[in-house]
Amino acid sequence: MEITIFQCIIVTIIALIVISLLWLSFSVKPKLMELKQAHVVITGGSSGIGKAVAAEVLKQGANVTILARNQARLQKAREELQQYIKDKDNQKILGISVDVSHEYTAVEDAIKKSTQELGPCDILVNSAGMSRAVSFEDTDINDFKRVMDANFIGSVYPTRAVLPYMKERRRGRIVFVSSQAGQLGVYGYTAYGSSKFAVRGLAETLQMEVKPYNIYITVNFPPDTDTPMLTEDKLNMPRETILVSETSGLHQPDEIAKIIVNDAKRGRFQSYVGLDGFVLATVASGMSPVASLMDAVLQVSLMSLMKAISFIFIANFNSIVMKCYKERESQKQK
């Protein structure tokens, strides 16, 4: 049977893809990081996802530093977390009160103190942040800066402070807690979503810089999680935002924490929750780093299908917004 030029081209392309994926699998997959006696630093560690991450790593034998602004809540969280310690002779929990988005030198001093007490940081989890769920025109103009400072700068400062220690030791993991609102635009999240998109950009760029030092970045995209921040946010949240967010369900902090810790240990770049999270992670992957052959294969083979599915999601979200708009207009006419 005669082989055509077109067939040769197809075979060549397939061969190149296979070779590239095999090269990728050997070049990007990091070694598993064990947590026993590792030092994990967690910002926003006094509540919500941060506190749940602290509990999870303590169960796996790590030493923990939790950073938070409120001294009273910090102390209470530290006391509650004691129950998760597995080795009371060798594990410790340190709580340091600091605003991770206010002054870099204060954050640097906090990291130095934690290092002196528990050794260099092996894993940093950037979980501190704040939210605003208000339409663009109703958002206080100063809240755009406040939210960006809390979520973006509040991730920059701790990361900058731990990085020299990690580079010197040629090992480390840095986790950024973004949001599904950092993967697609959601009604009411012009301030919050923008800051979470910025966190993802920071994570992608930083990974390229630190990979030669055997440091791996994980960016987690949690859906709505049952935390004090969400409870407070819902007091004034637009109906559109509530209805759109409910499509991904409400998740518990300990569920998110287990995923974050598991993905960080393995050095996975994208960390997501459930089927919705998988769809979003695949569609929004773009040129994001990958840390396994499986991730690469799934993104290459499913991108078109996931993009088609995403149109259904977006159409549903737009219909929710339009329905709420029509209801408001109808109320005005009465």
Protein backbone atom coordinates (compact mmCIF):
# COMPACT_ATOMS: atom_id res chain seq x y z
CA MET A 1 0.00 0.00 0.00
CA GLU A 2 1.40 3.35 -1.02
CA ILE A 3 2.07 5.79 1.79
CA THR A 4 1.10 9.36 0.96
CA ILE A 5 2.92 12.51 2.04
CA PHE A 6 -0.11 13.44 4.16
CA GLN A 7 0.11 10.14 6.07
CA CYS A 8 3.82 10.69 6.65
CA ILE A 9 3.10 14.13 8.06
CA ILE A 10 0.43 12.75 10.42
CA VAL A 11 2.73 9.96 11.64
CA THR A 12 5.53 12.46 12.16
CA ILE A 13 3.29 14.80 14.16
CA ILE A 14 2.05 11.93 16.35
CA ALA A 15 5.62 10.75 16.91
CA LEU A 16 6.73 14.24 17.89
CA ILE A 17 3.81 14.56 20.33
CA VAL A 18 4.64 11.21 21.94
CA ILE A 19 8.34 12.08 22.21
CA SER A 20 7.49 15.49 23.67
CA LEU A 21 5.17 13.97 26.26
CA LEU A 22 7.75 11.36 27.25
CA TRP A 23 10.41 14.05 27.59
CA LEU A 24 7.95 16.13 29.58
CA SER A 25 7.19 13.27 31.96
CA PHE A 26 10.88 12.79 32.80
CA SER A 27 11.77 16.48 32.95
CA VAL A 28 8.97 17.98 35.01
CA LYS A 29 7.81 15.42 37.56
CA PRO A 30 9.12 16.41 41.01
CA LYS A 31 9.87 14.03 43.84
CA LEU A 32 7.26 13.49 46.52
CA MET A 33 7.88 15.68 49.57
CA GLU A 34 7.34 13.93 52.88
CA LEU A 35 5.85 16.00 55.69
CA LYS A 36 7.28 14.27 58.73
CA GLN A 37 9.33 16.94 60.57
CA ALA A 38 8.89 19.35 57.63
CA HIS A 39 8.18 22.99 58.49
CA VAL A 40 4.95 24.30 56.95
CA VAL A 41 4.17 28.03 57.13
CA ILE A 42 0.53 28.98 56.60
CA THR A 43 -0.83 32.50 56.21
CA GLY A 44 -4.43 33.04 57.25
CA GLY A 45 -3.91 30.04 59.51
CA SER A 46 -6.35 31.03 62.24
CA SER A 47 -9.52 30.09 60.33
CA GLY A 48 -11.04 28.63 57.18
CA ILE A 49 -8.89 26.81 54.63
CA GLY A 50 -5.62 27.91 56.26
CA LYS A 51 -6.56 26.40 59.62
CA ALA A 52 -7.75 23.20 57.92
CA VAL A 53 -4.42 22.91 56.08
CA ALA A 54 -2.62 23.30 59.42
CA ALA A 55 -4.65 20.42 60.86
CA GLU A 56 -3.95 18.22 57.84
CA VAL A 57 -0.16 18.69 57.85
CA LEU A 58 0.01 18.21 61.62
CA LYS A 59 -1.68 14.83 61.15
CA GLN A 60 1.13 13.96 58.75
CA GLY A 61 3.89 14.86 61.21
CA ALA A 62 4.81 18.41 60.19
CA ASN A 63 5.80 21.37 62.34
CA VAL A 64 3.56 24.35 61.67
CA THR A 65 3.73 28.13 61.82
CA ILE A 66 0.40 29.90 61.42
CA LEU A 67 0.39 33.59 60.56
CA ALA A 68 -2.67 35.81 61.09
CA ARG A 69 -3.54 39.35 62.13
CA ASN A 70 -5.86 38.77 65.08
CA GLN A 71 -3.86 37.68 68.13
CA ALA A 72 -6.88 36.29 70.02
CA ARG A 73 -8.08 34.13 67.11
CA LEU A 74 -4.51 33.07 66.45
CA GLN A 75 -4.08 31.83 70.01
CA LYS A 76 -7.45 30.06 69.96
CA ALA A 77 -6.60 28.34 66.66
CA ARG A 78 -3.21 27.27 68.02
CA GLU A 79 -4.86 25.69 71.06
CA GLU A 80 -7.46 23.89 68.93
CA LEU A 81 -4.81 22.57 66.55
CA GLN A 82 -2.88 20.88 69.36
CA GLN A 83 -5.24 17.89 69.12
CA TYR A 84 -3.89 17.00 65.67
CA ILE A 85 -0.27 16.63 66.79
CA LYS A 86 0.89 13.03 66.34
CA ASP A 87 4.31 13.26 67.96
CA LYS A 88 4.10 15.51 71.01
CA ASP A 89 7.84 15.29 71.64
CA ASN A 90 8.93 16.40 68.18
CA GLN A 91 6.07 18.45 66.67
CA LYS A 92 5.40 22.10 67.42
CA ILE A 93 2.87 24.78 66.46
CA LEU A 94 4.01 28.39 66.36
CA GLY A 95 1.58 31.28 66.02
CA ILE A 96 2.79 34.72 64.91
CA SER A 97 0.56 37.77 64.62
CA VAL A 98 1.33 39.77 61.47
CA ASP A 99 -0.53 41.46 58.63
CA VAL A 100 1.02 39.77 55.59
CA SER A 101 -0.10 42.54 53.23
CA HIS A 102 0.83 45.65 55.22
CA GLU A 103 4.59 45.91 55.64
CA TYR A 104 7.19 43.64 54.09
CA THR A 105 9.77 44.00 56.87
CA ALA A 106 7.20 42.80 59.42
CA VAL A 107 6.50 39.71 57.31
CA GLU A 108 10.22 39.12 56.84
CA ASP A 109 10.75 39.33 60.61
CA ALA A 110 7.90 36.85 61.18
CA ILE A 111 9.47 34.36 58.76
CA LYS A 112 12.88 34.79 60.41
CA LYS A 113 11.33 34.12 63.81
CA SER A 114 9.57 31.00 62.54
CA THR A 115 12.81 29.78 60.96
CA GLN A 116 14.73 30.25 64.20
CA GLU A 117 12.08 28.29 66.10
CA LEU A 118 11.24 25.48 63.66
CA GLY A 119 13.90 25.55 60.95
CA PRO A 120 13.71 26.67 57.31
CA CYS A 121 10.32 26.65 55.62
CA ASP A 122 9.70 23.57 53.48
CA ILE A 123 6.18 24.49 52.37
CA LEU A 124 4.53 27.92 52.32
CA VAL A 125 0.75 28.03 51.97
CA ASN A 126 -0.57 31.49 51.04
CA SER A 127 -4.15 31.27 52.32
CA ALA A 128 -4.70 34.74 53.80
CA GLY A 129 -7.10 36.97 51.89
CA MET A 130 -10.36 38.82 51.74
CA SER A 131 -13.39 38.95 49.47
CA ARG A 132 -15.87 41.48 48.14
CA ALA A 133 -18.96 40.36 46.25
CA VAL A 134 -20.58 43.52 44.90
CA SER A 135 -21.32 44.70 41.37
CA PHE A 136 -18.60 46.81 39.79
CA GLU A 137 -20.39 50.15 40.17
CA ASP A 138 -21.45 49.39 43.74
CA THR A 139 -17.95 48.42 44.85
CA ASP A 140 -16.29 51.09 46.98
CA ILE A 141 -13.47 52.42 44.80
CA ASN A 142 -10.98 51.92 47.64
CA ASP A 143 -11.97 48.26 47.96
CA PHE A 144 -10.24 47.45 44.68
CA LYS A 145 -6.90 48.32 46.28
CA ARG A 146 -7.78 46.72 49.63
CA VAL A 147 -8.72 43.41 48.02
CA MET A 148 -5.68 43.43 45.73
CA ASP A 149 -3.40 44.17 48.68
CA ALA A 150 -4.90 41.38 50.80
CA ASN A 151 -4.98 38.68 48.12
CA PHE A 152 -2.06 39.54 45.84
CA ILE A 153 0.42 41.53 47.93
CA GLY A 154 -0.50 39.28 50.87
CA SER A 155 0.88 36.41 48.79
CA VAL A 156 3.90 38.29 47.43
CA TYR A 157 5.36 39.29 50.81
CA PRO A 158 5.46 35.84 52.49
CA THR A 159 6.70 34.23 49.27
CA ARG A 160 9.49 36.76 48.93
CA ALA A 161 10.46 36.19 52.57
CA VAL A 162 10.74 32.37 52.37
CA LEU A 163 12.27 32.12 48.91
CA PRO A 164 15.94 32.78 49.87
CA TYR A 165 15.82 29.88 52.35
CA MET A 166 14.32 27.55 49.77
CA LYS A 167 16.79 28.55 47.05
CA GLU A 168 19.72 28.05 49.39
CA ARG A 169 18.53 24.52 50.25
CA ARG A 170 17.45 23.72 46.65
CA ARG A 171 14.02 22.47 47.78
CA GLY A 172 10.58 23.77 48.64
CA ARG A 173 6.92 24.09 47.80
CA ILE A 174 4.90 27.30 47.56
CA VAL A 175 1.10 27.16 47.47
CA PHE A 176 -1.16 29.98 46.35
CA VAL A 177 -4.85 29.72 47.20
CA SER A 178 -6.65 31.39 44.31
CA SER A 179 -10.31 30.67 43.49
CA GLN A 180 -12.52 29.42 40.70
CA ALA A 181 -13.19 33.15 40.33
CA GLY A 182 -9.53 33.33 39.31
CA GLN A 183 -10.25 31.11 36.31
CA LEU A 184 -13.37 32.74 34.89
CA GLY A 185 -15.26 35.98 35.39
CA VAL A 186 -18.11 35.76 37.90
CA TYR A 187 -20.78 38.41 38.43
CA GLY A 188 -20.01 40.57 41.46
CA TYR A 189 -16.34 39.60 41.70
CA THR A 190 -14.66 42.39 39.73
CA ALA A 191 -12.41 43.21 42.69
CA TYR A 192 -12.02 39.73 44.14
CA GLY A 193 -11.74 37.88 40.82
CA SER A 194 -9.15 40.31 39.48
CA SER A 195 -6.95 39.76 42.52
CA LYS A 196 -7.25 35.98 42.18
CA PHE A 197 -6.36 36.12 38.48
CA ALA A 198 -3.30 38.12 39.54
CA VAL A 199 -2.35 35.36 42.00
CA ARG A 200 -2.44 32.83 39.18
CA GLY A 201 -0.22 35.07 37.04
CA LEU A 202 2.25 35.35 39.90
CA ALA A 203 2.26 31.57 40.33
CA GLU A 204 2.88 30.83 36.65
CA THR A 205 5.68 33.37 36.33
CA LEU A 206 7.36 32.38 39.57
CA GLN A 207 7.38 28.69 38.64
CA MET A 208 9.60 29.41 35.65
CA GLU A 209 12.03 31.32 37.87
CA VAL A 210 12.32 28.84 40.73
CA LYS A 211 12.20 25.48 38.95
CA PRO A 212 16.01 25.33 38.54
CA TYR A 213 16.21 25.41 42.35
CA ASN A 214 13.92 22.38 42.72
CA ILE A 215 11.09 24.57 44.03
CA TYR A 216 7.58 23.81 42.83
CA ILE A 217 4.49 26.00 42.81
CA THR A 218 0.92 24.85 43.40
CA VAL A 219 -2.05 27.13 42.75
CA ASN A 220 -5.34 25.92 44.20
CA PHE A 221 -8.69 26.99 42.74
CA PRO A 222 -11.33 26.24 45.40
CA PRO A 223 -15.07 26.67 44.77
CA ASP A 224 -17.32 28.12 47.49
CA THR A 225 -16.01 26.86 50.83
CA ASP A 226 -17.80 27.00 54.17
CA THR A 227 -15.55 29.56 55.85
CA PRO A 228 -16.15 32.66 58.01
CA MET A 229 -15.11 34.81 55.02
CA LEU A 230 -17.86 33.35 52.81
CA THR A 231 -20.45 33.65 55.59
CA GLU A 232 -19.65 37.34 56.00
CA ASP A 233 -19.53 37.87 52.25
CA LYS A 234 -23.01 36.43 51.73
CA LEU A 235 -24.57 39.13 53.93
CA ASN A 236 -24.42 41.58 50.99
CA MET A 237 -23.75 39.26 48.07
CA PRO A 238 -25.74 39.95 44.87
CA ARG A 239 -28.33 37.29 44.04
CA GLU A 240 -26.59 36.67 40.70
CA THR A 241 -23.34 35.82 42.49
CA ILE A 242 -25.08 33.45 44.89
CA LEU A 243 -26.87 31.58 42.10
CA VAL A 244 -23.77 31.29 39.90
CA SER A 245 -21.59 30.14 42.81
CA GLU A 246 -24.13 27.54 43.92
CA THR A 247 -23.64 25.62 40.68
CA SER A 248 -20.36 24.29 42.11
CA GLY A 249 -21.86 23.46 45.50
CA LEU A 250 -20.57 24.27 48.97
CA HIS A 251 -17.44 22.48 50.15
CA GLN A 252 -15.86 22.03 53.57
CA PRO A 253 -12.40 23.43 54.48
CA ASP A 254 -10.99 20.02 55.45
CA GLU A 255 -11.89 18.65 51.98
CA ILE A 256 -10.04 21.52 50.29
CA ALA A 257 -7.10 21.18 52.71
CA LYS A 258 -6.55 17.51 51.86
CA ILE A 259 -6.42 18.33 48.15
CA ILE A 260 -4.03 21.25 48.68
CA VAL A 261 -1.65 19.21 50.83
CA ASN A 262 -1.71 16.21 48.49
CA ASP A 263 -1.05 18.34 45.40
CA ALA A 264 1.67 20.39 47.11
CA LYS A 265 3.53 17.26 48.22
CA ARG A 266 3.50 16.05 44.61
CA GLY A 267 4.43 19.43 43.15
CA ARG A 268 1.31 19.66 40.98
CA PHE A 269 0.83 23.12 39.53
CA GLN A 270 -2.96 23.19 39.12
CA SER A 271 -4.95 22.04 42.13
CA TYR A 272 -8.72 21.76 41.72
CA VAL A 273 -11.83 20.30 43.35
CA GLY A 274 -14.36 17.97 41.74
CA LEU A 275 -15.58 17.61 38.16
CA ASP A 276 -16.33 21.34 37.77
CA GLY A 277 -12.82 22.08 38.94
CA PHE A 278 -11.36 19.61 36.45
CA VAL A 279 -13.28 21.20 33.57
CA LEU A 280 -12.17 24.69 34.57
CA ALA A 281 -8.56 23.60 35.11
CA THR A 282 -8.43 21.98 31.67
CA VAL A 283 -10.06 24.87 29.81
CA ALA A 284 -8.05 27.53 31.64
CA SER A 285 -4.73 25.66 31.52
CA GLY A 286 -3.39 27.58 28.52
CA MET A 287 0.41 27.44 28.80
CA SER A 288 0.39 26.72 32.53
CA PRO A 289 3.16 24.41 33.81
CA VAL A 290 2.43 20.70 34.13
CA ALA A 291 4.07 18.33 36.60
CA SER A 292 3.12 14.94 35.21
CA LEU A 293 2.61 13.07 31.95
CA MET A 294 -1.00 12.42 32.93
CA ASP A 295 -1.75 16.14 33.26
CA ALA A 296 -0.20 16.82 29.87
CA VAL A 297 -2.12 14.01 28.13
CA LEU A 298 -5.45 15.04 29.67
CA GLN A 299 -5.02 18.68 28.71
CA VAL A 300 -4.00 17.88 25.13
CA SER A 301 -6.72 15.27 24.55
CA LEU A 302 -9.62 16.96 26.35
CA MET A 303 -9.11 20.67 25.72
CA SER A 304 -11.60 20.88 22.82
CA LEU A 305 -14.25 18.84 24.62
CA MET A 306 -13.89 20.83 27.85
CA LYS A 307 -14.09 24.08 25.88
CA ALA A 308 -17.37 22.93 24.34
CA ILE A 309 -18.71 22.03 27.79
CA SER A 310 -17.65 25.44 29.08
CA PHE A 311 -20.06 27.10 26.63
CA ILE A 312 -22.91 25.38 28.47
CA PHE A 313 -21.68 26.71 31.80
CA ILE A 314 -21.30 30.26 30.48
CA ALA A 315 -24.73 30.16 28.82
CA ASN A 316 -26.24 29.07 32.13
CA PHE A 317 -24.47 31.85 34.04
CA ASN A 318 -25.59 34.45 31.51
CA SER A 319 -29.18 33.22 31.74
CA ILE A 320 -29.04 33.61 35.54
CA VAL A 321 -27.80 37.17 35.21
CA MET A 322 -30.44 38.04 32.61
CA LYS A 323 -33.22 36.51 34.71
CA CYS A 324 -32.19 38.56 37.75
CA TYR A 325 -31.99 41.69 35.59
CA LYS A 326 -35.50 41.17 34.26
CA GLU A 327 -36.82 40.59 37.78
CA ARG A 328 -35.30 43.86 39.00
CA GLU A 329 -36.69 45.77 36.03
CA SER A 330 -40.11 44.28 36.63
CA GLN A 331 -40.01 45.37 40.27
CA LYS A 332 -39.14 48.94 39.22
CA GLN A 333 -42.24 49.13 37.04
CA LYS A 334 -44.62 48.16 39.86
